[in-house]
N, C-alpha and C. Protein backbone atom coordinates (compact mmCIF):
# COMPACT_ATOMS: atom_id res chain seq x y z
N UNK A 1 -103.90 108.68 -47.78
CA UNK A 1 -104.99 107.91 -47.09
C UNK A 1 -104.90 106.54 -47.48
N UNK A 2 -105.13 105.61 -46.53
CA UNK A 2 -105.20 104.19 -46.78
C UNK A 2 -106.45 103.85 -47.61
N UNK A 3 -106.28 103.16 -48.64
CA UNK A 3 -107.42 102.65 -49.41
C UNK A 3 -108.18 101.58 -48.62
N UNK A 4 -109.44 101.34 -48.99
CA UNK A 4 -110.31 100.27 -48.48
C UNK A 4 -109.72 99.04 -49.05
N UNK A 5 -109.47 97.99 -48.31
CA UNK A 5 -108.95 96.69 -48.82
C UNK A 5 -110.11 95.79 -49.14
N UNK A 6 -110.27 95.42 -50.41
CA UNK A 6 -111.42 94.65 -50.94
C UNK A 6 -111.08 93.32 -51.27
N UNK A 7 -111.98 92.29 -50.87
CA UNK A 7 -111.89 90.91 -51.35
C UNK A 7 -113.09 90.66 -52.12
N UNK A 8 -112.90 90.08 -53.29
CA UNK A 8 -114.01 89.72 -54.27
C UNK A 8 -114.16 88.19 -54.15
N UNK A 9 -115.30 87.79 -53.74
CA UNK A 9 -115.77 86.36 -53.69
C UNK A 9 -116.45 85.79 -54.92
N UNK A 10 -115.93 84.79 -55.53
CA UNK A 10 -116.33 84.36 -56.94
C UNK A 10 -116.54 82.87 -56.93
N UNK A 11 -117.39 82.44 -57.90
CA UNK A 11 -117.55 80.96 -58.11
C UNK A 11 -117.39 80.56 -59.57
N UNK A 12 -117.44 81.49 -60.57
CA UNK A 12 -117.51 81.15 -61.96
C UNK A 12 -116.50 81.93 -62.87
N UNK A 13 -117.12 82.41 -63.96
CA UNK A 13 -116.33 83.18 -64.91
C UNK A 13 -115.70 84.44 -64.60
N UNK A 14 -116.26 85.13 -63.68
CA UNK A 14 -115.80 86.34 -63.08
C UNK A 14 -115.89 87.54 -63.99
N UNK A 15 -117.10 87.67 -64.71
CA UNK A 15 -117.31 88.87 -65.50
C UNK A 15 -117.50 90.08 -64.60
N UNK A 16 -118.13 89.91 -63.43
CA UNK A 16 -118.30 91.06 -62.58
C UNK A 16 -117.04 91.38 -61.87
N UNK A 17 -116.21 90.45 -61.56
CA UNK A 17 -114.84 90.73 -61.10
C UNK A 17 -114.09 91.62 -62.13
N UNK A 18 -114.20 91.22 -63.42
CA UNK A 18 -113.44 91.96 -64.50
C UNK A 18 -113.92 93.34 -64.52
N UNK A 19 -115.29 93.56 -64.30
CA UNK A 19 -115.77 95.00 -64.26
C UNK A 19 -115.21 95.78 -63.16
N UNK A 20 -114.92 95.11 -61.98
CA UNK A 20 -114.33 95.72 -60.91
C UNK A 20 -112.80 96.03 -61.16
N UNK A 21 -112.07 95.06 -61.77
CA UNK A 21 -110.69 95.26 -62.09
C UNK A 21 -110.62 96.43 -63.07
N UNK A 22 -111.48 96.50 -64.05
CA UNK A 22 -111.44 97.64 -65.17
C UNK A 22 -111.84 98.89 -64.50
N UNK A 23 -112.79 98.86 -63.51
CA UNK A 23 -113.01 100.15 -62.81
C UNK A 23 -111.95 100.68 -61.96
N UNK A 24 -111.14 99.70 -61.44
CA UNK A 24 -110.03 100.16 -60.68
C UNK A 24 -108.92 100.84 -61.60
N UNK A 25 -108.78 100.16 -62.79
CA UNK A 25 -107.74 100.77 -63.74
C UNK A 25 -108.23 102.10 -64.18
N UNK A 26 -109.55 102.27 -64.53
CA UNK A 26 -110.05 103.57 -65.13
C UNK A 26 -110.23 104.61 -64.00
N UNK A 27 -110.22 104.24 -62.72
CA UNK A 27 -110.31 105.28 -61.71
C UNK A 27 -111.83 105.51 -61.23
N UNK A 28 -112.64 104.59 -61.64
CA UNK A 28 -114.05 104.62 -61.15
C UNK A 28 -113.99 104.18 -59.65
N UNK A 29 -113.17 103.10 -59.48
CA UNK A 29 -112.96 102.63 -58.14
C UNK A 29 -111.67 103.08 -57.60
N UNK A 30 -111.71 104.17 -56.84
CA UNK A 30 -110.47 104.77 -56.45
C UNK A 30 -110.23 104.87 -54.95
N UNK A 31 -111.30 104.59 -54.19
CA UNK A 31 -111.16 104.62 -52.74
C UNK A 31 -110.91 103.30 -52.18
N UNK A 32 -111.02 102.25 -52.98
CA UNK A 32 -110.73 100.86 -52.64
C UNK A 32 -109.83 100.20 -53.57
N UNK A 33 -109.24 99.12 -53.00
CA UNK A 33 -108.30 98.35 -53.89
C UNK A 33 -108.51 96.82 -53.69
N UNK A 34 -108.65 96.04 -54.84
CA UNK A 34 -108.85 94.67 -54.79
C UNK A 34 -107.56 94.00 -54.28
N UNK A 35 -107.65 93.42 -53.10
CA UNK A 35 -106.43 92.86 -52.52
C UNK A 35 -106.46 91.37 -52.60
N UNK A 36 -107.65 90.75 -52.80
CA UNK A 36 -107.73 89.33 -52.78
C UNK A 36 -108.93 88.89 -53.55
N UNK A 37 -108.76 87.83 -54.34
CA UNK A 37 -109.96 87.15 -54.92
C UNK A 37 -110.02 85.75 -54.35
N UNK A 38 -111.21 85.37 -53.80
CA UNK A 38 -111.38 84.15 -53.11
C UNK A 38 -112.50 83.34 -53.85
N UNK A 39 -112.15 82.09 -54.16
CA UNK A 39 -113.17 81.26 -54.93
C UNK A 39 -113.45 80.03 -54.13
N UNK A 40 -114.76 79.49 -54.31
CA UNK A 40 -115.00 78.23 -53.78
C UNK A 40 -115.11 77.24 -54.82
N UNK A 41 -114.40 77.44 -55.95
CA UNK A 41 -114.45 76.61 -57.14
C UNK A 41 -113.07 76.64 -57.73
N UNK A 42 -112.40 75.51 -57.71
CA UNK A 42 -110.95 75.41 -58.10
C UNK A 42 -110.73 75.77 -59.64
N UNK A 43 -111.80 75.50 -60.39
CA UNK A 43 -111.71 75.73 -61.85
C UNK A 43 -112.34 77.07 -62.33
N UNK A 44 -112.77 77.88 -61.36
CA UNK A 44 -113.35 79.10 -61.76
C UNK A 44 -112.45 79.95 -62.65
N UNK A 45 -112.88 80.48 -63.79
CA UNK A 45 -112.00 81.25 -64.65
C UNK A 45 -111.71 82.62 -63.96
N UNK A 46 -112.53 82.98 -62.95
CA UNK A 46 -112.28 84.19 -62.19
C UNK A 46 -110.83 84.16 -61.55
N UNK A 47 -110.31 82.99 -61.20
CA UNK A 47 -109.06 82.89 -60.53
C UNK A 47 -107.95 83.31 -61.49
N UNK A 48 -108.19 82.93 -62.82
CA UNK A 48 -107.29 83.33 -63.83
C UNK A 48 -107.25 84.85 -64.19
N UNK A 49 -108.49 85.39 -64.14
CA UNK A 49 -108.57 86.88 -64.33
C UNK A 49 -107.88 87.55 -63.13
N UNK A 50 -107.98 87.04 -61.97
CA UNK A 50 -107.29 87.74 -60.77
C UNK A 50 -105.70 87.61 -61.00
N UNK A 51 -105.24 86.47 -61.37
CA UNK A 51 -103.82 86.26 -61.58
C UNK A 51 -103.30 87.19 -62.65
N UNK A 52 -104.13 87.21 -63.75
CA UNK A 52 -103.70 88.17 -64.92
C UNK A 52 -103.57 89.62 -64.48
N UNK A 53 -104.42 89.94 -63.49
CA UNK A 53 -104.42 91.36 -63.00
C UNK A 53 -103.46 91.55 -61.85
N UNK A 54 -102.69 90.52 -61.58
CA UNK A 54 -101.71 90.63 -60.41
C UNK A 54 -102.32 90.65 -59.05
N UNK A 55 -103.55 90.16 -58.91
CA UNK A 55 -104.25 90.05 -57.60
C UNK A 55 -104.13 88.62 -57.10
N UNK A 56 -103.78 88.59 -55.76
CA UNK A 56 -103.67 87.22 -55.07
C UNK A 56 -105.07 86.46 -55.33
N UNK A 57 -104.95 85.24 -55.67
CA UNK A 57 -106.17 84.41 -55.89
C UNK A 57 -106.08 83.21 -55.03
N UNK A 58 -107.03 82.96 -54.19
CA UNK A 58 -107.09 81.79 -53.30
C UNK A 58 -108.39 81.01 -53.46
N UNK A 59 -108.31 79.62 -53.48
CA UNK A 59 -109.42 78.75 -53.55
C UNK A 59 -109.58 78.08 -52.25
N UNK A 60 -110.79 78.12 -51.72
CA UNK A 60 -111.23 77.38 -50.44
C UNK A 60 -112.45 76.73 -50.83
N UNK A 61 -112.58 75.32 -50.68
CA UNK A 61 -113.76 74.74 -51.00
C UNK A 61 -114.42 74.01 -49.78
N UNK A 62 -115.73 73.87 -49.90
CA UNK A 62 -116.54 73.32 -48.72
C UNK A 62 -116.04 71.82 -48.68
N UNK A 63 -115.88 71.14 -49.79
CA UNK A 63 -115.49 69.80 -49.77
C UNK A 63 -114.10 69.57 -49.06
N UNK A 64 -113.13 70.38 -49.38
CA UNK A 64 -111.82 70.31 -48.71
C UNK A 64 -111.96 70.53 -47.32
N UNK A 65 -112.79 71.45 -46.96
CA UNK A 65 -112.94 71.81 -45.51
C UNK A 65 -113.78 70.85 -44.67
N UNK A 66 -114.56 70.05 -45.39
CA UNK A 66 -115.47 69.05 -44.62
C UNK A 66 -116.76 69.52 -44.18
N UNK A 67 -117.20 70.76 -44.61
CA UNK A 67 -118.39 71.31 -44.19
C UNK A 67 -118.52 72.83 -44.16
N UNK A 68 -119.72 73.29 -44.03
CA UNK A 68 -120.00 74.74 -44.08
C UNK A 68 -119.21 75.56 -43.02
N UNK A 69 -119.27 75.01 -41.80
CA UNK A 69 -118.67 75.79 -40.67
C UNK A 69 -117.18 75.96 -40.87
N UNK A 70 -116.46 74.82 -41.14
CA UNK A 70 -115.02 74.82 -41.37
C UNK A 70 -114.64 75.77 -42.56
N UNK A 71 -115.46 75.56 -43.68
CA UNK A 71 -115.32 76.39 -44.85
C UNK A 71 -115.42 77.81 -44.62
N UNK A 72 -116.38 78.23 -43.72
CA UNK A 72 -116.41 79.68 -43.41
C UNK A 72 -115.30 80.13 -42.50
N UNK A 73 -114.90 79.29 -41.53
CA UNK A 73 -113.83 79.63 -40.73
C UNK A 73 -112.53 79.81 -41.53
N UNK A 74 -112.35 78.94 -42.51
CA UNK A 74 -111.17 79.08 -43.33
C UNK A 74 -111.15 80.38 -44.10
N UNK A 75 -112.27 80.75 -44.67
CA UNK A 75 -112.46 81.92 -45.45
C UNK A 75 -112.25 83.17 -44.45
N UNK A 76 -112.82 83.10 -43.29
CA UNK A 76 -112.68 84.28 -42.35
C UNK A 76 -111.17 84.43 -42.00
N UNK A 77 -110.53 83.35 -41.83
CA UNK A 77 -109.11 83.40 -41.41
C UNK A 77 -108.33 84.06 -42.57
N UNK A 78 -108.59 83.69 -43.82
CA UNK A 78 -107.95 84.28 -45.07
C UNK A 78 -108.26 85.77 -45.17
N UNK A 79 -109.46 86.05 -44.90
CA UNK A 79 -109.83 87.55 -44.98
C UNK A 79 -109.17 88.32 -43.92
N UNK A 80 -109.07 87.78 -42.72
CA UNK A 80 -108.36 88.49 -41.53
C UNK A 80 -106.90 88.67 -41.93
N UNK A 81 -106.30 87.57 -42.49
CA UNK A 81 -104.92 87.57 -42.85
C UNK A 81 -104.59 88.73 -43.80
N UNK A 82 -105.54 89.00 -44.69
CA UNK A 82 -105.37 90.04 -45.72
C UNK A 82 -105.93 91.38 -45.19
N UNK A 83 -106.36 91.46 -43.95
CA UNK A 83 -106.82 92.74 -43.34
C UNK A 83 -107.99 93.38 -44.26
N UNK A 84 -108.97 92.52 -44.61
CA UNK A 84 -110.01 92.93 -45.59
C UNK A 84 -110.99 93.79 -44.88
N UNK A 85 -111.34 94.96 -45.58
CA UNK A 85 -112.34 95.91 -45.02
C UNK A 85 -113.69 95.62 -45.65
N UNK A 86 -113.69 95.21 -46.90
CA UNK A 86 -114.95 95.13 -47.69
C UNK A 86 -114.96 93.91 -48.44
N UNK A 87 -116.07 93.15 -48.50
CA UNK A 87 -116.24 91.86 -49.30
C UNK A 87 -117.38 92.21 -50.37
N UNK A 88 -116.89 91.89 -51.56
CA UNK A 88 -117.83 92.03 -52.78
C UNK A 88 -118.12 90.62 -53.21
N UNK A 89 -119.43 90.17 -53.25
CA UNK A 89 -119.89 88.92 -53.75
C UNK A 89 -120.20 89.18 -55.25
N UNK A 90 -119.34 88.56 -56.11
CA UNK A 90 -119.57 88.70 -57.54
C UNK A 90 -119.86 87.35 -58.12
N UNK A 91 -121.07 86.82 -58.04
CA UNK A 91 -121.35 85.61 -58.56
C UNK A 91 -120.77 84.46 -57.70
N UNK A 92 -120.94 84.74 -56.31
CA UNK A 92 -120.49 83.71 -55.44
C UNK A 92 -121.65 82.87 -55.07
N UNK A 93 -121.53 81.52 -55.37
CA UNK A 93 -122.70 80.59 -55.36
C UNK A 93 -122.71 79.86 -54.06
N UNK A 94 -122.56 80.55 -52.97
CA UNK A 94 -122.67 79.79 -51.65
C UNK A 94 -123.35 80.76 -50.74
N UNK A 95 -124.51 80.40 -50.04
CA UNK A 95 -125.12 81.25 -49.16
C UNK A 95 -124.27 81.31 -47.79
N UNK A 96 -124.04 82.52 -47.33
CA UNK A 96 -123.23 82.77 -46.13
C UNK A 96 -124.04 82.62 -44.89
N UNK A 97 -123.53 82.07 -43.79
CA UNK A 97 -124.36 81.99 -42.58
C UNK A 97 -124.42 83.30 -41.87
N UNK A 98 -125.34 83.41 -40.93
CA UNK A 98 -125.54 84.55 -40.09
C UNK A 98 -124.29 84.91 -39.36
N UNK A 99 -123.52 83.85 -38.85
CA UNK A 99 -122.32 83.95 -38.10
C UNK A 99 -121.28 84.70 -38.94
N UNK A 100 -121.16 84.26 -40.24
CA UNK A 100 -120.19 84.91 -41.09
C UNK A 100 -120.49 86.31 -41.43
N UNK A 101 -121.79 86.57 -41.75
CA UNK A 101 -122.25 87.88 -42.14
C UNK A 101 -121.97 88.89 -40.92
N UNK A 102 -122.27 88.39 -39.77
CA UNK A 102 -122.09 89.33 -38.59
C UNK A 102 -120.65 89.76 -38.30
N UNK A 103 -119.63 88.98 -38.78
CA UNK A 103 -118.29 89.37 -38.77
C UNK A 103 -118.01 90.64 -39.55
N UNK A 104 -118.82 90.82 -40.57
CA UNK A 104 -118.58 91.86 -41.52
C UNK A 104 -119.89 92.76 -41.81
N UNK A 105 -120.52 93.12 -40.73
CA UNK A 105 -121.70 93.77 -40.85
C UNK A 105 -121.60 95.15 -41.57
N UNK A 106 -122.46 95.31 -42.61
CA UNK A 106 -122.43 96.43 -43.54
C UNK A 106 -121.04 96.60 -44.27
N UNK A 107 -120.45 95.36 -44.40
CA UNK A 107 -119.12 95.32 -45.06
C UNK A 107 -119.18 94.30 -46.15
N UNK A 108 -120.41 93.73 -46.45
CA UNK A 108 -120.45 92.77 -47.57
C UNK A 108 -121.47 93.30 -48.48
N UNK A 109 -121.20 93.38 -49.78
CA UNK A 109 -122.12 93.69 -50.80
C UNK A 109 -122.26 92.69 -51.88
N UNK A 110 -123.50 92.68 -52.48
CA UNK A 110 -123.76 91.69 -53.47
C UNK A 110 -124.47 92.28 -54.71
N UNK A 111 -124.22 91.69 -55.83
CA UNK A 111 -125.02 92.21 -56.92
C UNK A 111 -125.97 91.07 -57.39
N UNK A 112 -127.24 91.41 -57.61
CA UNK A 112 -128.25 90.53 -57.90
C UNK A 112 -128.93 90.91 -59.26
N UNK A 113 -129.14 89.93 -60.16
CA UNK A 113 -129.64 90.29 -61.51
C UNK A 113 -131.17 90.62 -61.63
N UNK A 114 -131.69 91.34 -60.81
CA UNK A 114 -133.11 91.81 -60.95
C UNK A 114 -133.32 93.03 -60.05
N UNK A 115 -134.45 93.65 -60.21
CA UNK A 115 -134.71 94.81 -59.48
C UNK A 115 -135.48 94.31 -58.15
N UNK A 116 -134.71 94.14 -57.07
CA UNK A 116 -135.16 93.67 -55.81
C UNK A 116 -136.28 94.64 -55.39
N UNK A 117 -137.37 94.25 -54.83
CA UNK A 117 -137.76 92.81 -54.38
C UNK A 117 -138.27 91.88 -55.39
N UNK A 118 -138.24 92.08 -56.64
CA UNK A 118 -138.74 91.11 -57.69
C UNK A 118 -137.66 90.09 -57.86
N UNK A 119 -138.14 88.87 -58.09
CA UNK A 119 -137.25 87.70 -58.47
C UNK A 119 -135.96 87.52 -57.74
N UNK A 120 -136.15 87.53 -56.42
CA UNK A 120 -134.98 87.45 -55.47
C UNK A 120 -135.20 86.46 -54.35
N UNK A 121 -134.26 86.27 -53.53
CA UNK A 121 -134.38 85.31 -52.44
C UNK A 121 -133.91 83.92 -52.73
N UNK A 122 -134.23 83.00 -51.94
CA UNK A 122 -133.74 81.56 -52.11
C UNK A 122 -134.12 81.01 -53.47
N UNK A 123 -133.21 80.46 -54.16
CA UNK A 123 -133.55 79.73 -55.46
C UNK A 123 -133.44 80.65 -56.63
N UNK A 124 -133.29 81.94 -56.45
CA UNK A 124 -133.27 82.86 -57.57
C UNK A 124 -131.85 83.23 -57.83
N UNK A 125 -131.19 82.54 -58.78
CA UNK A 125 -129.76 82.84 -59.10
C UNK A 125 -129.64 82.55 -60.56
N UNK A 126 -128.55 83.16 -61.14
CA UNK A 126 -128.22 82.94 -62.56
C UNK A 126 -129.38 83.06 -63.55
N UNK A 127 -129.46 82.08 -64.46
CA UNK A 127 -130.55 82.11 -65.58
C UNK A 127 -131.94 82.02 -64.91
N UNK A 128 -132.09 81.43 -63.73
CA UNK A 128 -133.39 81.25 -63.18
C UNK A 128 -134.06 82.57 -62.97
N UNK A 129 -133.29 83.68 -62.53
CA UNK A 129 -133.84 84.92 -62.41
C UNK A 129 -134.51 85.50 -63.63
N UNK A 130 -133.77 85.41 -64.77
CA UNK A 130 -134.19 85.83 -65.98
C UNK A 130 -135.41 85.01 -66.66
N UNK A 131 -135.29 83.68 -66.42
CA UNK A 131 -136.45 82.88 -66.81
C UNK A 131 -137.77 83.33 -66.08
N UNK A 132 -137.60 83.56 -64.80
CA UNK A 132 -138.84 84.06 -64.05
C UNK A 132 -139.34 85.38 -64.50
N UNK A 133 -138.37 86.30 -64.84
CA UNK A 133 -138.83 87.63 -65.30
C UNK A 133 -139.53 87.56 -66.64
N UNK A 134 -139.08 86.59 -67.49
CA UNK A 134 -139.76 86.52 -68.86
C UNK A 134 -141.04 85.76 -68.66
N UNK A 135 -141.12 84.81 -67.72
CA UNK A 135 -142.33 84.01 -67.50
C UNK A 135 -143.47 84.97 -67.02
N UNK A 136 -143.02 85.88 -66.15
CA UNK A 136 -143.98 86.79 -65.52
C UNK A 136 -144.42 87.87 -66.55
N UNK A 137 -143.56 88.12 -67.52
CA UNK A 137 -144.00 89.08 -68.52
C UNK A 137 -143.60 90.54 -68.25
N UNK A 138 -142.64 90.73 -67.33
CA UNK A 138 -142.27 92.08 -67.01
C UNK A 138 -141.62 92.81 -68.19
N UNK A 139 -141.86 94.11 -68.21
CA UNK A 139 -141.32 94.92 -69.36
C UNK A 139 -140.03 95.54 -69.12
N UNK A 140 -139.80 95.63 -67.74
CA UNK A 140 -138.45 96.18 -67.24
C UNK A 140 -137.85 95.32 -66.20
N UNK A 141 -136.53 95.09 -66.22
CA UNK A 141 -135.82 94.36 -65.25
C UNK A 141 -134.63 95.14 -64.87
N UNK A 142 -133.54 94.55 -64.41
CA UNK A 142 -132.34 95.28 -64.10
C UNK A 142 -131.48 94.58 -63.06
N UNK A 143 -130.67 95.28 -62.36
CA UNK A 143 -129.84 94.74 -61.36
C UNK A 143 -129.83 95.60 -60.06
N UNK A 144 -129.49 94.94 -59.02
CA UNK A 144 -129.48 95.64 -57.68
C UNK A 144 -128.17 95.28 -57.02
N UNK A 145 -127.57 96.28 -56.35
CA UNK A 145 -126.46 96.03 -55.45
C UNK A 145 -127.00 96.34 -54.05
N UNK A 146 -126.79 95.36 -53.12
CA UNK A 146 -127.26 95.57 -51.78
C UNK A 146 -126.32 95.03 -50.78
N UNK A 147 -126.42 95.48 -49.49
CA UNK A 147 -125.71 94.88 -48.42
C UNK A 147 -126.26 93.62 -48.10
N UNK A 148 -125.42 92.69 -47.65
CA UNK A 148 -125.66 91.32 -47.39
C UNK A 148 -125.95 91.17 -45.93
N UNK A 149 -127.17 90.55 -45.60
CA UNK A 149 -127.47 90.15 -44.19
C UNK A 149 -127.76 88.73 -44.23
N UNK A 150 -128.36 88.15 -43.14
CA UNK A 150 -128.57 86.73 -43.01
C UNK A 150 -129.75 86.22 -43.93
N UNK A 151 -130.51 87.16 -44.52
CA UNK A 151 -131.58 86.76 -45.45
C UNK A 151 -131.09 86.89 -46.81
N UNK A 152 -131.21 85.82 -47.71
CA UNK A 152 -130.74 85.92 -49.09
C UNK A 152 -131.42 87.08 -49.78
N UNK A 153 -130.64 87.97 -50.36
CA UNK A 153 -131.12 89.25 -51.07
C UNK A 153 -131.89 90.13 -50.13
N UNK A 154 -131.69 90.07 -48.88
CA UNK A 154 -132.62 90.79 -47.85
C UNK A 154 -132.01 92.08 -47.37
N UNK A 155 -130.77 92.39 -47.73
CA UNK A 155 -130.12 93.66 -47.09
C UNK A 155 -130.43 94.88 -47.75
N UNK A 156 -130.07 95.99 -47.15
CA UNK A 156 -130.48 97.36 -47.68
C UNK A 156 -129.92 97.55 -49.05
N UNK A 157 -130.80 98.14 -49.93
CA UNK A 157 -130.26 98.42 -51.37
C UNK A 157 -129.44 99.64 -51.39
N UNK A 158 -128.32 99.46 -52.20
CA UNK A 158 -127.29 100.57 -52.29
C UNK A 158 -127.67 101.31 -53.72
N UNK A 159 -127.70 100.47 -54.73
CA UNK A 159 -127.93 101.08 -56.10
C UNK A 159 -128.70 100.02 -56.91
N UNK A 160 -129.57 100.65 -57.86
CA UNK A 160 -130.35 99.89 -58.81
C UNK A 160 -130.20 100.50 -60.22
N UNK A 161 -130.35 99.70 -61.22
CA UNK A 161 -130.43 100.19 -62.51
C UNK A 161 -131.29 99.28 -63.37
N UNK A 162 -132.28 100.06 -64.05
CA UNK A 162 -133.30 99.35 -64.87
C UNK A 162 -132.74 99.02 -66.26
N UNK A 163 -133.27 97.95 -66.78
CA UNK A 163 -132.98 97.55 -68.26
C UNK A 163 -134.24 97.11 -68.88
N UNK A 164 -134.43 97.40 -70.13
CA UNK A 164 -135.64 96.98 -70.82
C UNK A 164 -135.70 95.53 -71.21
N UNK A 165 -136.87 94.96 -71.11
CA UNK A 165 -137.04 93.48 -71.55
C UNK A 165 -137.60 93.68 -73.02
N UNK A 166 -136.96 93.01 -73.94
CA UNK A 166 -137.39 93.09 -75.32
C UNK A 166 -138.33 91.83 -75.70
N UNK A 167 -139.23 92.16 -76.68
CA UNK A 167 -140.26 91.04 -76.96
C UNK A 167 -139.70 89.69 -77.35
N UNK A 168 -138.48 89.71 -78.07
CA UNK A 168 -137.92 88.42 -78.53
C UNK A 168 -136.82 87.98 -77.58
N UNK A 169 -136.72 88.43 -76.27
CA UNK A 169 -135.68 88.00 -75.40
C UNK A 169 -135.81 86.52 -74.99
N UNK A 170 -134.56 85.95 -74.91
CA UNK A 170 -134.46 84.59 -74.19
C UNK A 170 -133.84 84.86 -72.87
N UNK A 171 -133.88 83.93 -72.03
CA UNK A 171 -133.26 84.14 -70.74
C UNK A 171 -131.74 84.54 -70.92
N UNK A 172 -131.00 83.91 -71.90
CA UNK A 172 -129.62 84.19 -72.16
C UNK A 172 -129.42 85.66 -72.67
N UNK A 173 -130.26 86.02 -73.61
CA UNK A 173 -130.14 87.42 -74.13
C UNK A 173 -130.38 88.52 -73.12
N UNK A 174 -131.39 88.17 -72.24
CA UNK A 174 -131.72 89.07 -71.19
C UNK A 174 -130.61 89.16 -70.07
N UNK A 175 -130.05 88.01 -69.88
CA UNK A 175 -128.96 87.94 -68.87
C UNK A 175 -127.76 88.86 -69.34
N UNK A 176 -127.47 88.69 -70.64
CA UNK A 176 -126.33 89.45 -71.21
C UNK A 176 -126.56 91.05 -71.09
N UNK A 177 -127.77 91.40 -71.43
CA UNK A 177 -128.12 92.83 -71.40
C UNK A 177 -128.03 93.41 -69.95
N UNK A 178 -128.64 92.53 -69.02
CA UNK A 178 -128.59 92.96 -67.68
C UNK A 178 -127.15 93.14 -67.08
N UNK A 179 -126.25 92.18 -67.45
CA UNK A 179 -124.85 92.24 -67.00
C UNK A 179 -124.22 93.54 -67.65
N UNK A 180 -124.33 93.68 -69.01
CA UNK A 180 -123.59 94.72 -69.73
C UNK A 180 -124.09 96.02 -69.30
N UNK A 181 -125.41 96.24 -69.17
CA UNK A 181 -126.01 97.57 -68.97
C UNK A 181 -126.24 97.99 -67.53
N UNK A 182 -126.26 96.86 -66.62
CA UNK A 182 -126.53 97.28 -65.22
C UNK A 182 -125.54 96.73 -64.30
N UNK A 183 -125.31 95.31 -64.21
CA UNK A 183 -124.33 94.81 -63.20
C UNK A 183 -123.00 95.45 -63.31
N UNK A 184 -122.43 95.48 -64.55
CA UNK A 184 -121.03 95.90 -64.71
C UNK A 184 -120.94 97.45 -64.55
N UNK A 185 -122.09 98.09 -64.46
CA UNK A 185 -122.05 99.54 -64.17
C UNK A 185 -122.18 99.87 -62.69
N UNK A 186 -123.27 99.22 -62.07
CA UNK A 186 -123.48 99.60 -60.67
C UNK A 186 -122.67 98.88 -59.65
N UNK A 187 -122.09 97.74 -59.95
CA UNK A 187 -121.24 97.06 -58.94
C UNK A 187 -120.02 97.90 -58.62
N UNK A 188 -119.27 98.33 -59.70
CA UNK A 188 -118.11 99.14 -59.34
C UNK A 188 -118.46 100.49 -58.67
N UNK A 189 -119.63 101.09 -59.10
CA UNK A 189 -120.10 102.35 -58.49
C UNK A 189 -120.42 102.10 -57.01
N UNK A 190 -121.08 101.04 -56.68
CA UNK A 190 -121.47 100.71 -55.28
C UNK A 190 -120.17 100.40 -54.48
N UNK A 191 -119.27 99.73 -55.11
CA UNK A 191 -117.91 99.40 -54.48
C UNK A 191 -117.25 100.69 -54.08
N UNK A 192 -117.29 101.54 -54.92
CA UNK A 192 -116.65 102.92 -54.67
C UNK A 192 -117.40 103.66 -53.63
N UNK A 193 -118.61 103.69 -53.67
CA UNK A 193 -119.46 104.34 -52.56
C UNK A 193 -119.10 103.86 -51.18
N UNK A 194 -119.19 102.43 -51.03
CA UNK A 194 -118.90 101.90 -49.76
C UNK A 194 -117.54 101.99 -49.38
N UNK A 195 -116.59 101.85 -50.29
CA UNK A 195 -115.14 101.93 -49.96
C UNK A 195 -114.81 103.35 -49.53
N UNK A 196 -115.40 104.39 -50.16
CA UNK A 196 -115.28 105.80 -49.73
C UNK A 196 -115.66 106.03 -48.33
N UNK A 197 -116.90 105.45 -47.97
CA UNK A 197 -117.43 105.55 -46.66
C UNK A 197 -116.46 104.95 -45.63
N UNK A 198 -116.05 103.63 -46.00
CA UNK A 198 -115.17 102.96 -45.01
C UNK A 198 -113.82 103.70 -44.79
N UNK A 199 -113.29 104.30 -45.89
CA UNK A 199 -112.05 105.09 -45.87
C UNK A 199 -112.26 106.25 -44.88
N UNK A 200 -113.37 106.88 -44.97
CA UNK A 200 -113.64 108.08 -44.13
C UNK A 200 -113.66 107.62 -42.60
N UNK A 201 -114.38 106.46 -42.43
CA UNK A 201 -114.54 105.92 -41.07
C UNK A 201 -113.16 105.59 -40.47
N UNK A 202 -112.26 105.01 -41.34
CA UNK A 202 -110.97 104.59 -40.88
C UNK A 202 -110.15 105.83 -40.50
N UNK A 203 -110.29 106.83 -41.34
CA UNK A 203 -109.52 108.11 -41.11
C UNK A 203 -109.96 108.78 -39.70
N UNK A 204 -111.30 108.70 -39.55
CA UNK A 204 -111.77 109.44 -38.24
C UNK A 204 -111.38 108.66 -37.07
N UNK A 205 -110.94 107.41 -37.15
CA UNK A 205 -110.52 106.62 -35.97
C UNK A 205 -109.03 106.83 -35.66
N UNK A 206 -108.37 107.48 -36.64
CA UNK A 206 -106.91 107.63 -36.47
C UNK A 206 -106.62 108.68 -35.35
């Protein structure tokens, strides 16, 4: 059976990408294969992680393309060239347009570092999510993997995992716990769930 071909979109260090690479090696991610890592940041360490794992790494920047529309067209061309079935956003710091999302309906997933619908949507990314959680005084936070639609963090939820907030937490300590205990666990699990579904759909069309 043909595995689901996955592209991982990244902007930074790539710790979630590493979790996916490790999951592929350990067999947690078995219905899909990471075929491409695409970054919008030429100095993203995630590109090095991809190369180290023998995965093709490509950088396409909005600046080089001269704007959002050309940037998205260049990304879509690259994804089509690699015959990508599933896109995983793993710390990708660029909001995708409705036009882009529609090309891969129910084929783009994202990991967000909170229990959606809390602390999500426009402006909630990175440490800002954890700062808001601590400011609000929640006792439990976590991570969510969801399908991507035209609304930031607005797509259907696939998996969630809760993580406790400790009394002496800082945004950084909370971010680390959420990554280690939730993001790195449920992102590979969700990628496998969706990859398996896509694989079955592809088989039924044969």
